[in-house]
Amino acid sequence: MTRIVVMEAEEDEYGQIVRRAAGWFNADKAARVPGLREWDGNNMACVHLRDPHRGQNLYRTAGGRYVLETWSQWQGEDTRHEFIAPERAREWLIVNGDDALAARWFGEVEEESGPGRPKIGDPFKFTLPDDLRSRLEQLQAPGEPLAETMRRGLREWAAQKLAERE
């Protein structure tokens, strides 16, 4: 049995980083996904760290937890293992180019993802008179987009009208 101790770092009362054992797993029973290395123009470098002398691997333990291994070829730098959330493991697999494995472990990978707000519903376009817009802006919570204020107002209005019908 190859037992790997997973450490976590925390700050003590003096501001010093202290590492303590967070748990362990049996590497012989875990699924290991090696990190992808690509040519960066000079060397083969880890796609996650963009470093030819360091790399990462991902483990899925027998208990279903995810462990990120970060290794180094530099003398004095130890290999580190840390437990990570499933969302981070899924992201790691996608960056690593393992879409099939990400789909098997986490469900189907979407075709495309990028910046922007997730879709709430189909667009509905209409024009507001200036006086109505100014009243909506007065109801706007700090930092809330005007569209969200309008959605909130419409939800409240629709709930009130439906309650009146009952």
C-alpha atoms as a PDB file:
ATOM      1  CA  MET A   1       0.000   0.000   0.000  1.00  0.00           C
ATOM      2  CA  THR A   2       1.320   3.427  -0.982  1.00  0.00           C
ATOM      3  CA  ARG A   3      -0.100   5.888   1.530  1.00  0.00           C
ATOM      4  CA  ILE A   4       0.110   9.545   0.536  1.00  0.00           C
ATOM      5  CA  VAL A   5      -0.421  12.110   3.283  1.00  0.00           C
ATOM      6  CA  VAL A   6      -2.356  15.192   2.193  1.00  0.00           C
ATOM      7  CA  MET A   7      -1.229  18.392   3.897  1.00  0.00           C
ATOM      8  CA  GLU A   8      -2.913  21.756   4.239  1.00  0.00           C
ATOM      9  CA  ALA A   9      -1.306  25.081   5.036  1.00  0.00           C
ATOM     10  CA  GLU A  10      -2.644  27.570   7.543  1.00  0.00           C
ATOM     11  CA  GLU A  11      -1.312  30.633   9.278  1.00  0.00           C
ATOM     12  CA  ASP A  12      -0.457  30.495  13.000  1.00  0.00           C
ATOM     13  CA  GLU A  13      -0.943  33.315  15.509  1.00  0.00           C
ATOM     14  CA  TYR A  14       2.456  34.782  14.497  1.00  0.00           C
ATOM     15  CA  GLY A  15       1.645  34.909  10.784  1.00  0.00           C
ATOM     16  CA  GLN A  16       3.856  31.933   9.938  1.00  0.00           C
ATOM     17  CA  ILE A  17       2.644  29.271   7.511  1.00  0.00           C
ATOM     18  CA  VAL A  18       2.178  25.952   9.283  1.00  0.00           C
ATOM     19  CA  ARG A  19       1.487  22.730   7.387  1.00  0.00           C
ATOM     20  CA  ARG A  20      -0.597  20.014   9.023  1.00  0.00           C
ATOM     21  CA  ALA A  21      -1.957  16.680   7.878  1.00  0.00           C
ATOM     22  CA  ALA A  22      -5.472  16.961   6.438  1.00  0.00           C
ATOM     23  CA  GLY A  23      -5.791  13.238   5.696  1.00  0.00           C
ATOM     24  CA  TRP A  24      -4.329  10.517   3.535  1.00  0.00           C
ATOM     25  CA  PHE A  25      -5.250   8.179   0.677  1.00  0.00           C
ATOM     26  CA  ASN A  26      -4.034   4.935  -0.825  1.00  0.00           C
ATOM     27  CA  ALA A  27      -2.405   5.757  -4.170  1.00  0.00           C
ATOM     28  CA  ASP A  28      -2.673   2.119  -5.290  1.00  0.00           C
ATOM     29  CA  LYS A  29      -6.482   2.321  -5.148  1.00  0.00           C
ATOM     30  CA  ALA A  30      -6.784   5.838  -6.582  1.00  0.00           C
ATOM     31  CA  ALA A  31      -7.195   6.807 -10.239  1.00  0.00           C
ATOM     32  CA  ARG A  32      -4.254   9.000 -11.328  1.00  0.00           C
ATOM     33  CA  VAL A  33      -4.515  11.447 -14.215  1.00  0.00           C
ATOM     34  CA  PRO A  34      -1.109  12.757 -15.348  1.00  0.00           C
ATOM     35  CA  GLY A  35      -0.907  16.435 -16.148  1.00  0.00           C
ATOM     36  CA  LEU A  36      -0.554  17.371 -19.801  1.00  0.00           C
ATOM     37  CA  ARG A  37       2.718  18.878 -20.983  1.00  0.00           C
ATOM     38  CA  GLU A  38       2.952  20.926 -24.187  1.00  0.00           C
ATOM     39  CA  TRP A  39       5.785  22.496 -26.129  1.00  0.00           C
ATOM     40  CA  ASP A  40       6.109  26.161 -25.109  1.00  0.00           C
ATOM     41  CA  GLY A  41       8.656  27.068 -27.796  1.00  0.00           C
ATOM     42  CA  ASN A  42      11.642  26.048 -25.689  1.00  0.00           C
ATOM     43  CA  ASN A  43      10.584  23.168 -23.416  1.00  0.00           C
ATOM     44  CA  MET A  44       7.788  20.802 -22.598  1.00  0.00           C
ATOM     45  CA  ALA A  45       5.825  22.699 -19.945  1.00  0.00           C
ATOM     46  CA  CYS A  46       2.895  21.824 -17.717  1.00  0.00           C
ATOM     47  CA  VAL A  47      -0.340  23.280 -19.182  1.00  0.00           C
ATOM     48  CA  HIS A  48      -1.556  24.139 -15.666  1.00  0.00           C
ATOM     49  CA  LEU A  49       1.547  25.918 -14.343  1.00  0.00           C
ATOM     50  CA  ARG A  50       3.247  26.923 -17.628  1.00  0.00           C
ATOM     51  CA  ASP A  51       6.529  25.767 -16.101  1.00  0.00           C
ATOM     52  CA  PRO A  52       8.937  23.201 -17.573  1.00  0.00           C
ATOM     53  CA  HIS A  53      10.288  22.294 -14.119  1.00  0.00           C
ATOM     54  CA  ARG A  54       7.003  21.838 -12.254  1.00  0.00           C
ATOM     55  CA  GLY A  55       3.852  19.915 -12.973  1.00  0.00           C
ATOM     56  CA  GLN A  56       0.576  18.609 -11.617  1.00  0.00           C
ATOM     57  CA  ASN A  57      -1.315  15.328 -11.490  1.00  0.00           C
ATOM     58  CA  LEU A  58      -4.847  14.669 -10.314  1.00  0.00           C
ATOM     59  CA  TYR A  59      -5.966  11.740  -8.173  1.00  0.00           C
ATOM     60  CA  ARG A  60      -9.468  10.501  -7.570  1.00  0.00           C
ATOM     61  CA  THR A  61      -9.340   8.507  -4.347  1.00  0.00           C
ATOM     62  CA  ALA A  62     -11.230   5.295  -3.679  1.00  0.00           C
ATOM     63  CA  GLY A  63     -13.498   7.374  -1.428  1.00  0.00           C
ATOM     64  CA  GLY A  64     -14.339   9.768  -4.276  1.00  0.00           C
ATOM     65  CA  ARG A  65     -12.252  12.748  -3.132  1.00  0.00           C
ATOM     66  CA  TYR A  66      -9.944  14.682  -5.435  1.00  0.00           C
ATOM     67  CA  VAL A  67      -6.287  15.330  -4.672  1.00  0.00           C
ATOM     68  CA  LEU A  68      -4.090  17.702  -6.645  1.00  0.00           C
ATOM     69  CA  GLU A  69      -0.422  16.733  -6.688  1.00  0.00           C
ATOM     70  CA  THR A  70       2.067  19.497  -7.492  1.00  0.00           C
ATOM     71  CA  TRP A  71       5.627  18.333  -8.100  1.00  0.00           C
ATOM     72  CA  SER A  72       8.915  20.041  -8.843  1.00  0.00           C
ATOM     73  CA  GLN A  73      12.265  19.070 -10.325  1.00  0.00           C
ATOM     74  CA  TRP A  74      13.999  21.728  -8.230  1.00  0.00           C
ATOM     75  CA  GLN A  75      16.116  20.567  -5.318  1.00  0.00           C
ATOM     76  CA  GLY A  76      14.543  21.461  -1.981  1.00  0.00           C
ATOM     77  CA  GLU A  77      10.992  21.699  -3.321  1.00  0.00           C
ATOM     78  CA  ASP A  78       8.810  18.882  -2.056  1.00  0.00           C
ATOM     79  CA  THR A  79       5.873  17.329  -3.861  1.00  0.00           C
ATOM     80  CA  ARG A  80       2.647  18.698  -2.344  1.00  0.00           C
ATOM     81  CA  HIS A  81      -0.783  17.070  -2.185  1.00  0.00           C
ATOM     82  CA  GLU A  82      -3.988  18.955  -1.398  1.00  0.00           C
ATOM     83  CA  PHE A  83      -7.649  18.013  -1.358  1.00  0.00           C
ATOM     84  CA  ILE A  84      -9.630  20.049  -3.897  1.00  0.00           C
ATOM     85  CA  ALA A  85     -13.333  20.557  -4.571  1.00  0.00           C
ATOM     86  CA  PRO A  86     -15.010  18.559  -7.363  1.00  0.00           C
ATOM     87  CA  GLU A  87     -15.606  21.790  -9.334  1.00  0.00           C
ATOM     88  CA  ARG A  88     -11.879  22.525  -9.342  1.00  0.00           C
ATOM     89  CA  ALA A  89     -11.086  18.920 -10.336  1.00  0.00           C
ATOM     90  CA  ARG A  90     -13.533  19.179 -13.243  1.00  0.00           C
ATOM     91  CA  GLU A  91     -11.929  22.438 -14.376  1.00  0.00           C
ATOM     92  CA  TRP A  92      -8.463  20.849 -14.083  1.00  0.00           C
ATOM     93  CA  LEU A  93      -9.555  17.959 -16.329  1.00  0.00           C
ATOM     94  CA  ILE A  94     -10.988  20.318 -18.949  1.00  0.00           C
ATOM     95  CA  VAL A  95      -7.780  22.409 -19.049  1.00  0.00           C
ATOM     96  CA  ASN A  96      -5.857  19.118 -19.251  1.00  0.00           C
ATOM     97  CA  GLY A  97      -7.846  18.156 -22.363  1.00  0.00           C
ATOM     98  CA  ASP A  98      -9.568  15.193 -20.692  1.00  0.00           C
ATOM     99  CA  ASP A  99     -13.145  16.040 -21.724  1.00  0.00           C
ATOM    100  CA  ALA A 100     -14.161  12.368 -21.890  1.00  0.00           C
ATOM    101  CA  LEU A 101     -12.958  11.704 -18.349  1.00  0.00           C
ATOM    102  CA  ALA A 102     -14.549  14.947 -17.108  1.00  0.00           C
ATOM    103  CA  ALA A 103     -17.834  13.838 -18.675  1.00  0.00           C
ATOM    104  CA  ARG A 104     -17.563  10.384 -17.090  1.00  0.00           C
ATOM    105  CA  TRP A 105     -16.801  11.752 -13.609  1.00  0.00           C
ATOM    106  CA  PHE A 106     -18.922  14.918 -13.623  1.00  0.00           C
ATOM    107  CA  GLY A 107     -21.446  14.725 -16.455  1.00  0.00           C
ATOM    108  CA  GLU A 108     -21.431  16.100 -19.982  1.00  0.00           C
ATOM    109  CA  VAL A 109     -19.044  18.969 -20.737  1.00  0.00           C
ATOM    110  CA  GLU A 110     -20.756  21.974 -22.330  1.00  0.00           C
ATOM    111  CA  GLU A 111     -19.741  22.845 -25.864  1.00  0.00           C
ATOM    112  CA  GLU A 112     -18.558  26.339 -25.000  1.00  0.00           C
ATOM    113  CA  SER A 113     -18.159  28.485 -21.925  1.00  0.00           C
ATOM    114  CA  GLY A 114     -16.902  31.974 -21.461  1.00  0.00           C
ATOM    115  CA  PRO A 115     -17.395  35.267 -19.725  1.00  0.00           C
ATOM    116  CA  GLY A 116     -20.826  36.683 -19.285  1.00  0.00           C
ATOM    117  CA  ARG A 117     -23.925  36.017 -17.339  1.00  0.00           C
ATOM    118  CA  PRO A 118     -25.606  32.618 -17.587  1.00  0.00           C
ATOM    119  CA  LYS A 119     -28.793  32.609 -19.612  1.00  0.00           C
ATOM    120  CA  ILE A 120     -31.875  33.276 -17.466  1.00  0.00           C
ATOM    121  CA  GLY A 121     -34.501  32.920 -20.164  1.00  0.00           C
ATOM    122  CA  ASP A 122     -35.385  34.063 -23.653  1.00  0.00           C
ATOM    123  CA  PRO A 123     -34.859  37.781 -24.312  1.00  0.00           C
ATOM    124  CA  PHE A 124     -37.962  39.965 -24.143  1.00  0.00           C
ATOM    125  CA  LYS A 125     -37.567  43.452 -25.569  1.00  0.00           C
ATOM    126  CA  PHE A 126     -39.775  46.467 -24.867  1.00  0.00           C
ATOM    127  CA  THR A 127     -39.493  50.232 -24.477  1.00  0.00           C
ATOM    128  CA  LEU A 128     -39.948  52.054 -21.177  1.00  0.00           C
ATOM    129  CA  PRO A 129     -41.227  55.609 -20.812  1.00  0.00           C
ATOM    130  CA  ASP A 130     -38.673  57.879 -19.096  1.00  0.00           C
ATOM    131  CA  ASP A 131     -40.819  58.367 -15.956  1.00  0.00           C
ATOM    132  CA  LEU A 132     -41.170  54.599 -15.451  1.00  0.00           C
ATOM    133  CA  ARG A 133     -37.448  54.065 -15.938  1.00  0.00           C
ATOM    134  CA  SER A 134     -36.627  56.736 -13.338  1.00  0.00           C
ATOM    135  CA  ARG A 135     -39.017  55.089 -10.834  1.00  0.00           C
ATOM    136  CA  LEU A 136     -37.362  51.721 -11.461  1.00  0.00           C
ATOM    137  CA  GLU A 137     -33.938  53.279 -10.908  1.00  0.00           C
ATOM    138  CA  GLN A 138     -35.170  54.561  -7.517  1.00  0.00           C
ATOM    139  CA  LEU A 139     -36.100  50.970  -6.579  1.00  0.00           C
ATOM    140  CA  GLN A 140     -32.739  49.646  -7.718  1.00  0.00           C
ATOM    141  CA  ALA A 141     -30.658  48.064  -4.939  1.00  0.00           C
ATOM    142  CA  PRO A 142     -26.994  49.169  -4.732  1.00  0.00           C
ATOM    143  CA  GLY A 143     -24.978  47.274  -7.349  1.00  0.00           C
ATOM    144  CA  GLU A 144     -28.071  45.617  -8.819  1.00  0.00           C
ATOM    145  CA  PRO A 145     -28.427  45.774 -12.613  1.00  0.00           C
ATOM    146  CA  LEU A 146     -31.567  47.541 -13.849  1.00  0.00           C
ATOM    147  CA  ALA A 147     -32.650  44.351 -15.652  1.00  0.00           C
ATOM    148  CA  GLU A 148     -32.624  42.456 -12.329  1.00  0.00           C
ATOM    149  CA  THR A 149     -34.665  45.246 -10.699  1.00  0.00           C
ATOM    150  CA  MET A 150     -37.201  44.899 -13.511  1.00  0.00           C
ATOM    151  CA  ARG A 151     -37.316  41.097 -13.123  1.00  0.00           C
ATOM    152  CA  ARG A 152     -37.812  41.434  -9.367  1.00  0.00           C
ATOM    153  CA  GLY A 153     -40.593  43.990  -9.865  1.00  0.00           C
ATOM    154  CA  LEU A 154     -42.376  41.850 -12.449  1.00  0.00           C
ATOM    155  CA  ARG A 155     -42.178  38.787 -10.173  1.00  0.00           C
ATOM    156  CA  GLU A 156     -43.708  40.741  -7.275  1.00  0.00           C
ATOM    157  CA  TRP A 157     -46.414  42.254  -9.502  1.00  0.00           C
ATOM    158  CA  ALA A 158     -47.296  38.854 -11.030  1.00  0.00           C
ATOM    159  CA  ALA A 159     -47.454  37.211  -7.588  1.00  0.00           C
ATOM    160  CA  GLN A 160     -49.760  39.976  -6.343  1.00  0.00           C
ATOM    161  CA  LYS A 161     -52.074  39.728  -9.370  1.00  0.00           C
ATOM    162  CA  LEU A 162     -52.270  35.922  -9.115  1.00  0.00           C
ATOM    163  CA  ALA A 163     -53.072  36.184  -5.400  1.00  0.00           C
ATOM    164  CA  GLU A 164     -55.887  38.653  -6.167  1.00  0.00           C
ATOM    165  CA  ARG A 165     -57.448  36.145  -8.593  1.00  0.00           C
ATOM    166  CA  GLU A 166     -57.629  33.397  -5.953  1.00  0.00           C
END
